[in-house]
Amino acid sequence: MAGKATKRSIRAAGICGKVSETKGRRAMEERDFFNETVEQRTHSLTCPKCRQAAEYKVTWVVRRKRAQIPHGANERDRARFAKAQSYMVRRDDKLQCANMRCRKPFEITTLQSLAFLMD
């Protein structure tokens, strides 16, 4: 049976994810605790080249904590879920200046790249 992948060989190779030592189940990952959406929010930013302020739409990945812990969680996963918080991660690193004469790309340095949400 050389070349045929079995569940045991896949699990030993680490392809199907982490396996808990207690019951042979996959350990829960952070994304199992959150609902993920993409949102655009407007922010007032200033171009560093032409020094003109304007409103820009910045894309954020919003991860909101689920109402209940997913099924199949062990004690360690329950403790991690209790400590988890909703948060946003900024997706855009660069924007283009809104001034028609400038139009140069600039990096977003005045906004945090991660922000916790108060739910």
N, C-alpha and C. Protein backbone atom coordinates (compact mmCIF):
# COMPACT_ATOMS: atom_id res chain seq x y z
N MET A 1 0.81 -1.19 0.00
CA MET A 1 0.00 0.00 0.00
C MET A 1 0.85 1.25 0.00
N ALA A 2 1.95 1.23 -0.66
CA ALA A 2 2.82 2.40 -0.73
C ALA A 2 2.15 3.46 -1.59
N GLY A 3 2.22 4.70 -1.13
CA GLY A 3 1.66 5.80 -1.88
C GLY A 3 0.23 6.14 -1.50
N LYS A 4 -0.46 5.25 -0.80
CA LYS A 4 -1.83 5.53 -0.40
C LYS A 4 -1.82 6.19 0.98
N ALA A 5 -2.49 7.34 1.09
CA ALA A 5 -2.50 8.08 2.35
C ALA A 5 -3.64 7.59 3.22
N THR A 6 -3.31 7.22 4.44
CA THR A 6 -4.33 6.83 5.41
C THR A 6 -4.49 7.96 6.41
N LYS A 7 -5.55 7.87 7.22
CA LYS A 7 -5.78 8.90 8.24
C LYS A 7 -4.61 9.00 9.19
N ARG A 8 -4.06 7.84 9.56
CA ARG A 8 -2.94 7.84 10.50
C ARG A 8 -1.70 8.50 9.89
N SER A 9 -1.40 8.23 8.61
CA SER A 9 -0.22 8.82 7.99
C SER A 9 -0.39 10.32 7.78
N ILE A 10 -1.61 10.74 7.45
CA ILE A 10 -1.87 12.18 7.29
C ILE A 10 -1.73 12.88 8.62
N ARG A 11 -2.29 12.30 9.69
CA ARG A 11 -2.21 12.90 11.01
C ARG A 11 -0.76 12.95 11.49
N ALA A 12 0.02 11.91 11.21
CA ALA A 12 1.43 11.87 11.62
C ALA A 12 2.24 12.92 10.87
N ALA A 13 1.86 13.19 9.63
CA ALA A 13 2.58 14.19 8.84
C ALA A 13 2.20 15.61 9.24
N GLY A 14 1.12 15.77 10.02
CA GLY A 14 0.71 17.09 10.47
C GLY A 14 -0.06 17.87 9.43
N ILE A 15 -0.66 17.19 8.47
CA ILE A 15 -1.37 17.87 7.38
C ILE A 15 -2.75 18.33 7.81
N CYS A 16 -3.43 17.58 8.66
CA CYS A 16 -4.82 17.90 8.99
C CYS A 16 -4.95 18.82 10.19
N GLY A 17 -3.90 19.41 10.68
CA GLY A 17 -3.97 20.33 11.80
C GLY A 17 -3.47 19.69 13.08
N LYS A 18 -3.46 20.48 14.14
CA LYS A 18 -2.98 19.97 15.42
C LYS A 18 -3.94 18.92 15.96
N VAL A 19 -3.39 17.94 16.63
CA VAL A 19 -4.20 16.90 17.23
C VAL A 19 -3.98 16.96 18.73
N SER A 20 -5.05 17.04 19.48
CA SER A 20 -4.97 17.08 20.93
C SER A 20 -4.53 15.73 21.45
N GLU A 21 -3.70 15.73 22.49
CA GLU A 21 -3.21 14.48 23.04
C GLU A 21 -4.29 13.73 23.79
N THR A 22 -5.33 14.42 24.25
CA THR A 22 -6.31 13.77 25.11
C THR A 22 -7.26 12.86 24.36
N LYS A 23 -7.90 13.34 23.31
CA LYS A 23 -8.91 12.53 22.65
C LYS A 23 -8.70 12.40 21.15
N GLY A 24 -7.57 12.85 20.63
CA GLY A 24 -7.30 12.71 19.21
C GLY A 24 -8.04 13.71 18.34
N ARG A 25 -8.64 14.75 18.95
CA ARG A 25 -9.35 15.76 18.17
C ARG A 25 -8.42 16.90 17.80
N ARG A 26 -8.81 17.62 16.77
CA ARG A 26 -8.06 18.80 16.34
C ARG A 26 -8.26 19.90 17.37
N ALA A 27 -7.18 20.57 17.76
CA ALA A 27 -7.28 21.69 18.69
C ALA A 27 -7.94 22.86 17.98
N MET A 28 -8.76 23.60 18.68
CA MET A 28 -9.46 24.73 18.07
C MET A 28 -8.49 25.85 17.79
N GLU A 29 -8.70 26.50 16.67
CA GLU A 29 -7.88 27.64 16.28
C GLU A 29 -8.61 28.92 16.61
N GLU A 30 -7.90 30.04 16.52
CA GLU A 30 -8.50 31.33 16.86
C GLU A 30 -9.69 31.65 15.96
N ARG A 31 -9.62 31.31 14.71
CA ARG A 31 -10.71 31.65 13.79
C ARG A 31 -12.00 30.89 14.11
N ASP A 32 -11.92 29.81 14.91
CA ASP A 32 -13.12 29.10 15.32
C ASP A 32 -13.94 29.90 16.34
N PHE A 33 -13.34 30.87 17.01
CA PHE A 33 -14.01 31.66 18.04
C PHE A 33 -14.63 32.94 17.50
N PHE A 34 -14.36 33.29 16.24
CA PHE A 34 -14.78 34.59 15.70
C PHE A 34 -15.55 34.45 14.40
N ASN A 35 -16.43 35.44 14.14
CA ASN A 35 -17.06 35.63 12.84
C ASN A 35 -16.30 36.75 12.16
N GLU A 36 -15.83 36.51 10.94
CA GLU A 36 -14.96 37.47 10.25
C GLU A 36 -15.71 38.13 9.11
N THR A 37 -15.66 39.48 9.06
CA THR A 37 -16.24 40.25 7.97
C THR A 37 -15.24 41.32 7.53
N VAL A 38 -15.46 41.87 6.34
CA VAL A 38 -14.63 42.95 5.82
C VAL A 38 -15.49 44.20 5.76
N GLU A 39 -15.00 45.30 6.36
CA GLU A 39 -15.74 46.56 6.39
C GLU A 39 -14.85 47.70 5.92
N GLN A 40 -15.49 48.73 5.38
CA GLN A 40 -14.78 49.96 5.01
C GLN A 40 -15.26 51.08 5.92
N ARG A 41 -14.32 51.79 6.51
CA ARG A 41 -14.64 52.91 7.39
C ARG A 41 -13.91 54.14 6.89
N THR A 42 -14.54 55.30 7.05
CA THR A 42 -13.90 56.54 6.59
C THR A 42 -13.09 57.16 7.71
N HIS A 43 -11.92 57.65 7.35
CA HIS A 43 -11.01 58.30 8.29
C HIS A 43 -10.46 59.57 7.64
N SER A 44 -10.23 60.58 8.44
CA SER A 44 -9.64 61.81 7.95
C SER A 44 -8.12 61.68 8.06
N LEU A 45 -7.44 61.67 6.91
CA LEU A 45 -5.99 61.51 6.87
C LEU A 45 -5.37 62.65 6.07
N THR A 46 -4.10 62.93 6.34
CA THR A 46 -3.38 63.98 5.65
C THR A 46 -2.27 63.38 4.80
N CYS A 47 -2.20 63.81 3.54
CA CYS A 47 -1.13 63.36 2.65
C CYS A 47 0.19 63.98 3.11
N PRO A 48 1.24 63.21 3.30
CA PRO A 48 2.52 63.78 3.75
C PRO A 48 3.24 64.56 2.65
N LYS A 49 2.87 64.38 1.39
CA LYS A 49 3.56 65.06 0.30
C LYS A 49 2.98 66.45 0.04
N CYS A 50 1.64 66.53 -0.10
CA CYS A 50 1.01 67.83 -0.41
C CYS A 50 0.36 68.46 0.82
N ARG A 51 0.32 67.77 1.94
CA ARG A 51 -0.20 68.27 3.23
C ARG A 51 -1.69 68.62 3.18
N GLN A 52 -2.45 67.96 2.31
CA GLN A 52 -3.87 68.22 2.22
C GLN A 52 -4.64 67.11 2.93
N ALA A 53 -5.58 67.50 3.80
CA ALA A 53 -6.41 66.53 4.52
C ALA A 53 -7.63 66.17 3.69
N ALA A 54 -8.03 64.90 3.78
CA ALA A 54 -9.20 64.44 3.05
C ALA A 54 -9.76 63.20 3.76
N GLU A 55 -10.98 62.83 3.37
CA GLU A 55 -11.61 61.63 3.91
C GLU A 55 -11.26 60.44 3.01
N TYR A 56 -10.78 59.36 3.62
CA TYR A 56 -10.39 58.16 2.88
C TYR A 56 -11.14 56.96 3.44
N LYS A 57 -11.49 56.02 2.57
CA LYS A 57 -12.10 54.77 3.00
C LYS A 57 -10.97 53.76 3.24
N VAL A 58 -10.91 53.26 4.46
CA VAL A 58 -9.88 52.29 4.84
C VAL A 58 -10.56 50.95 5.09
N THR A 59 -10.01 49.88 4.53
CA THR A 59 -10.58 48.55 4.67
C THR A 59 -10.06 47.88 5.93
N TRP A 60 -10.99 47.32 6.71
CA TRP A 60 -10.66 46.63 7.95
C TRP A 60 -11.23 45.21 7.90
N VAL A 61 -10.53 44.26 8.48
CA VAL A 61 -11.05 42.92 8.71
C VAL A 61 -11.55 42.91 10.15
N VAL A 62 -12.86 42.72 10.32
CA VAL A 62 -13.46 42.78 11.65
C VAL A 62 -13.74 41.35 12.12
N ARG A 63 -13.20 41.01 13.29
CA ARG A 63 -13.41 39.69 13.88
C ARG A 63 -14.20 39.88 15.17
N ARG A 64 -15.48 39.47 15.12
CA ARG A 64 -16.36 39.59 16.28
C ARG A 64 -16.47 38.24 16.98
N LYS A 65 -16.39 38.27 18.29
CA LYS A 65 -16.47 37.05 19.09
C LYS A 65 -17.85 36.43 18.95
N ARG A 66 -17.90 35.13 18.79
CA ARG A 66 -19.18 34.44 18.66
C ARG A 66 -19.92 34.44 19.99
N ALA A 67 -21.23 34.27 19.91
CA ALA A 67 -22.06 34.29 21.13
C ALA A 67 -21.81 33.07 22.00
N GLN A 68 -21.57 31.92 21.36
CA GLN A 68 -21.34 30.69 22.11
C GLN A 68 -20.06 30.02 21.62
N ILE A 69 -19.47 29.24 22.50
CA ILE A 69 -18.27 28.50 22.13
C ILE A 69 -18.66 27.38 21.18
N PRO A 70 -17.86 27.09 20.15
CA PRO A 70 -18.19 26.01 19.22
C PRO A 70 -18.22 24.65 19.91
N HIS A 71 -18.95 23.71 19.32
CA HIS A 71 -19.05 22.37 19.87
C HIS A 71 -17.70 21.65 19.79
N GLY A 72 -17.47 20.77 20.72
CA GLY A 72 -16.25 19.99 20.72
C GLY A 72 -15.07 20.66 21.39
N ALA A 73 -15.32 21.69 22.18
CA ALA A 73 -14.23 22.40 22.84
C ALA A 73 -13.86 21.71 24.15
N ASN A 74 -12.57 21.68 24.45
CA ASN A 74 -12.12 21.12 25.72
C ASN A 74 -11.90 22.26 26.72
N GLU A 75 -11.36 21.95 27.89
CA GLU A 75 -11.19 22.96 28.94
C GLU A 75 -10.23 24.08 28.52
N ARG A 76 -9.17 23.72 27.82
CA ARG A 76 -8.21 24.71 27.36
C ARG A 76 -8.87 25.68 26.36
N ASP A 77 -9.68 25.12 25.46
CA ASP A 77 -10.39 25.96 24.49
C ASP A 77 -11.40 26.87 25.16
N ARG A 78 -12.07 26.38 26.20
CA ARG A 78 -13.03 27.21 26.94
C ARG A 78 -12.34 28.38 27.62
N ALA A 79 -11.15 28.15 28.16
CA ALA A 79 -10.40 29.22 28.80
C ALA A 79 -9.96 30.26 27.77
N ARG A 80 -9.51 29.81 26.59
CA ARG A 80 -9.10 30.73 25.52
C ARG A 80 -10.30 31.53 25.03
N PHE A 81 -11.48 30.89 24.93
CA PHE A 81 -12.68 31.58 24.46
C PHE A 81 -13.12 32.65 25.46
N ALA A 82 -12.98 32.37 26.77
CA ALA A 82 -13.36 33.34 27.79
C ALA A 82 -12.50 34.59 27.72
N LYS A 83 -11.23 34.46 27.33
CA LYS A 83 -10.32 35.60 27.24
C LYS A 83 -10.40 36.34 25.91
N ALA A 84 -11.03 35.74 24.91
CA ALA A 84 -11.06 36.33 23.56
C ALA A 84 -11.89 37.61 23.53
N GLN A 85 -11.46 38.58 22.70
CA GLN A 85 -12.15 39.85 22.51
C GLN A 85 -12.35 40.10 21.03
N SER A 86 -13.39 40.87 20.70
CA SER A 86 -13.61 41.28 19.32
C SER A 86 -12.58 42.34 18.95
N TYR A 87 -12.11 42.29 17.69
CA TYR A 87 -11.10 43.26 17.26
C TYR A 87 -11.15 43.47 15.76
N MET A 88 -10.45 44.54 15.31
CA MET A 88 -10.33 44.86 13.88
C MET A 88 -8.86 44.91 13.50
N VAL A 89 -8.54 44.43 12.30
CA VAL A 89 -7.19 44.50 11.76
C VAL A 89 -7.26 45.31 10.47
N ARG A 90 -6.39 46.32 10.35
CA ARG A 90 -6.38 47.15 9.15
C ARG A 90 -5.79 46.37 7.99
N ARG A 91 -6.52 46.33 6.88
CA ARG A 91 -6.06 45.60 5.70
C ARG A 91 -5.22 46.48 4.77
N ASP A 92 -5.60 47.75 4.64
CA ASP A 92 -4.88 48.67 3.75
C ASP A 92 -3.63 49.21 4.44
N ASP A 93 -2.52 49.20 3.72
CA ASP A 93 -1.28 49.80 4.21
C ASP A 93 -0.98 51.11 3.49
N LYS A 94 -1.41 51.21 2.24
CA LYS A 94 -1.16 52.41 1.44
C LYS A 94 -2.45 52.91 0.83
N LEU A 95 -2.53 54.23 0.69
CA LEU A 95 -3.65 54.88 0.01
C LEU A 95 -3.09 55.85 -1.02
N GLN A 96 -3.95 56.25 -1.95
CA GLN A 96 -3.55 57.24 -2.95
C GLN A 96 -4.15 58.58 -2.57
N CYS A 97 -3.38 59.63 -2.67
CA CYS A 97 -3.82 60.97 -2.30
C CYS A 97 -5.05 61.36 -3.11
N ALA A 98 -6.00 62.00 -2.44
CA ALA A 98 -7.25 62.41 -3.10
C ALA A 98 -7.09 63.69 -3.90
N ASN A 99 -6.01 64.45 -3.69
CA ASN A 99 -5.77 65.69 -4.43
C ASN A 99 -5.45 65.34 -5.89
N MET A 100 -6.16 65.96 -6.82
CA MET A 100 -5.98 65.66 -8.24
C MET A 100 -4.57 65.99 -8.73
N ARG A 101 -3.93 67.00 -8.16
CA ARG A 101 -2.59 67.39 -8.60
C ARG A 101 -1.50 66.50 -8.00
N CYS A 102 -1.79 65.88 -6.89
CA CYS A 102 -0.77 65.06 -6.20
C CYS A 102 -0.88 63.60 -6.62
N ARG A 103 -1.93 62.92 -6.22
CA ARG A 103 -2.22 61.52 -6.55
C ARG A 103 -1.09 60.54 -6.20
N LYS A 104 -0.23 60.92 -5.28
CA LYS A 104 0.88 60.03 -4.91
C LYS A 104 0.44 59.06 -3.82
N PRO A 105 0.92 57.84 -3.87
CA PRO A 105 0.58 56.89 -2.80
C PRO A 105 1.34 57.23 -1.52
N PHE A 106 0.68 57.03 -0.39
CA PHE A 106 1.34 57.25 0.90
C PHE A 106 0.92 56.16 1.87
N GLU A 107 1.80 55.88 2.82
CA GLU A 107 1.53 54.86 3.82
C GLU A 107 0.67 55.45 4.94
N ILE A 108 -0.19 54.61 5.49
CA ILE A 108 -1.02 55.02 6.61
C ILE A 108 -0.20 54.83 7.89
N THR A 109 0.20 55.93 8.51
CA THR A 109 1.00 55.83 9.73
C THR A 109 0.25 56.35 10.95
N THR A 110 -0.83 57.10 10.74
CA THR A 110 -1.52 57.71 11.87
C THR A 110 -2.60 56.81 12.47
N LEU A 111 -2.96 55.73 11.81
CA LEU A 111 -3.98 54.80 12.33
C LEU A 111 -3.31 53.55 12.88
N GLN A 112 -3.87 53.04 13.95
CA GLN A 112 -3.39 51.77 14.51
C GLN A 112 -3.71 50.66 13.52
N SER A 113 -2.88 49.63 13.49
CA SER A 113 -3.15 48.50 12.60
C SER A 113 -4.08 47.49 13.26
N LEU A 114 -4.24 47.54 14.57
CA LEU A 114 -5.14 46.66 15.29
C LEU A 114 -5.92 47.49 16.31
N ALA A 115 -7.24 47.27 16.37
CA ALA A 115 -8.06 48.00 17.33
C ALA A 115 -9.07 47.04 17.96
N PHE A 116 -9.15 47.04 19.28
CA PHE A 116 -10.14 46.21 19.98
C PHE A 116 -11.49 46.90 19.97
N LEU A 117 -12.54 46.09 19.86
CA LEU A 117 -13.91 46.62 19.80
C LEU A 117 -14.58 46.47 21.16
N MET A 118 -15.40 47.43 21.52
CA MET A 118 -16.17 47.35 22.75
C MET A 118 -17.57 46.88 22.39
N ASP A 119 -17.87 45.65 22.69
CA ASP A 119 -19.22 45.10 22.38
C ASP A 119 -20.12 45.15 23.58
